[in-house]
Amino acid sequence: MLGKSVIRGTRITVEIILKKLGAGIAYEEILRDYPT
């Protein structure tokens, strides 16, 4: 991920999560989009 922080146990960057939350996407929808 080229030095970016990721969610432990995944390849999802913190940046992606924060952008989605900032765009108003619900936490539950993010979890559904990126299951572990």
C-alpha atoms as a PDB file:
ATOM      1  CA  MET A   1       0.000   0.000   0.000  1.00  0.00           C
ATOM      2  CA  LEU A   2       3.046   2.183  -0.510  1.00  0.00           C
ATOM      3  CA  GLY A   3       3.463   3.382   3.068  1.00  0.00           C
ATOM      4  CA  LYS A   4      -0.204   4.166   3.697  1.00  0.00           C
ATOM      5  CA  SER A   5      -1.893   3.060   6.902  1.00  0.00           C
ATOM      6  CA  VAL A   6      -4.186   0.067   6.464  1.00  0.00           C
ATOM      7  CA  ILE A   7      -6.835  -1.597   8.575  1.00  0.00           C
ATOM      8  CA  ARG A   8      -5.174  -4.514  10.357  1.00  0.00           C
ATOM      9  CA  GLY A   9      -5.784  -7.831   8.640  1.00  0.00           C
ATOM     10  CA  THR A  10      -6.943  -6.177   5.406  1.00  0.00           C
ATOM     11  CA  ARG A  11      -5.565  -4.254   2.449  1.00  0.00           C
ATOM     12  CA  ILE A  12      -8.050  -1.425   2.945  1.00  0.00           C
ATOM     13  CA  THR A  13      -6.382   1.919   3.526  1.00  0.00           C
ATOM     14  CA  VAL A  14      -7.494   4.238   6.298  1.00  0.00           C
ATOM     15  CA  GLU A  15      -7.660   6.942   3.631  1.00  0.00           C
ATOM     16  CA  ILE A  16     -10.393   5.044   1.747  1.00  0.00           C
ATOM     17  CA  ILE A  17     -12.462   4.592   4.906  1.00  0.00           C
ATOM     18  CA  LEU A  18     -12.148   8.261   5.878  1.00  0.00           C
ATOM     19  CA  LYS A  19     -13.087   9.419   2.379  1.00  0.00           C
ATOM     20  CA  LYS A  20     -16.188   7.227   2.404  1.00  0.00           C
ATOM     21  CA  LEU A  21     -17.221   8.421   5.865  1.00  0.00           C
ATOM     22  CA  GLY A  22     -16.625  12.023   4.780  1.00  0.00           C
ATOM     23  CA  ALA A  23     -18.857  11.461   1.772  1.00  0.00           C
ATOM     24  CA  GLY A  24     -21.654  10.448   4.123  1.00  0.00           C
ATOM     25  CA  ILE A  25     -21.549   6.722   3.462  1.00  0.00           C
ATOM     26  CA  ALA A  26     -22.868   4.789   6.448  1.00  0.00           C
ATOM     27  CA  TYR A  27     -20.499   2.646   8.504  1.00  0.00           C
ATOM     28  CA  GLU A  28     -22.671  -0.400   7.834  1.00  0.00           C
ATOM     29  CA  GLU A  29     -22.460   0.133   4.070  1.00  0.00           C
ATOM     30  CA  ILE A  30     -18.668   0.357   4.223  1.00  0.00           C
ATOM     31  CA  LEU A  31     -18.549  -2.915   6.162  1.00  0.00           C
ATOM     32  CA  ARG A  32     -20.796  -4.506   3.537  1.00  0.00           C
ATOM     33  CA  ASP A  33     -18.557  -3.236   0.713  1.00  0.00           C
ATOM     34  CA  TYR A  34     -15.365  -4.486   2.385  1.00  0.00           C
ATOM     35  CA  PRO A  35     -16.120  -7.729   4.243  1.00  0.00           C
ATOM     36  CA  THR A  36     -13.257  -9.320   6.124  1.00  0.00           C
END
